[in-house]
Amino acid sequence: MNFTFQESSVLYGMLAESTTDVILKTDAKGFIVHATVAISELGLSAAVTRGESGAAIGTHLLDLVSPDARQSVSRALSGALAGEDTGWVEFPAVTHDDRRRWFEIRLRALLRHDGAPYGALGIMRNVDELRTLGERLFTATYTDPLTGLTNRAAFISMLQHMIEAKMDGCLGLFSIDFFRTINMQYGQGAGDTVLTVFADLLRDMLRSEDIISRIGSERFAVLLPRVTPAEAEAICRRVVTTLADLKQTVEASHFAMTASASVARIENSLDSTLERAEMALFVAKAKGRNRLEMEKPVRLAVG
């Protein structure tokens, strides 16, 4: 369907007034020369003032963007003026109330008859709700609801990433001793308390860069980047010792909580790393629990 210039102008006006999307126009330098009223409803401002020559001296498109995202929006503007379709670009914006709100924008060049760009036309929309939904889905997919730690799926992904990136570090495994007995004797509520107490202990004792996950009923894993096996052993042994010294009151009973633990270097493959850590954990339990065992060194066959 073809529209006359007047028909296109009327249609543009109707769309601009009825949508919550912001429609804006910039000059060739990126200064906003027009923006629909929706921009103020989104907490942004694009007031346009002009100098004696009539040139826009008001808000630049990048003035709407938080400093840490200006480079990506600047690339999108440059690409659009060069005739490229840069797609939707997401960015945090600077709003009147100093809130960090997220938007996405898509830009297309405005061309003269000779094909030279004289500005860009853009559509911008708020994506806060979409980002919040995405964060909630991520939390539901990768977080253990009881402890707030990442779950086994997230742990496996992060361990695989460390191996593929060849990051130095160690894996520590923990298993709360006699957890099934605690559940049977004191009830599931008591078991949940034990799990949350241990999760909080791990948060308190480990470094900020360490990644803590609950990977099973009573089992926890910690990824320790950039540590030697000796350093990882000291860190994890401290956790085991501290836990044994804690006296947790659960269901009006006073009992000690202990855990068995193991440490293995992160190397070779995901399966290899997990197998070595699991074997060392099995040995810790077999030797009486409430202890830590290191992975056994690999013995090379002598030909």
Foldseek 3Di string as FASTA:
>chain_A
DDDDPVRVVVVVVVVLVPDLKKKFKAFLVQQTPDIGPSQVVVQHDRDWDADPVRDTPTDGPLQFFDPVCSVVVVVQQVCQQVAHFPDKDKGFTQGPVRDTFIKIKTKHFDADPVGHGGIIIMIMDTCRVVVVVVVVVCCVVFADVLQRAGEQVVVLVVLQVCAVVVFWWKKKKKFKPPLVVCCVPQNVVQSSVVQNVLSVLCVVQDDPPKGKYAYDSRMIMIIGTPDDQVVVQVSVLVSQVVQQPDWDQGPNDTDGIGMEMEMEISYDGSVVRVVQRVVQSVVCVVVPGSYYGYGDDDDDDDD
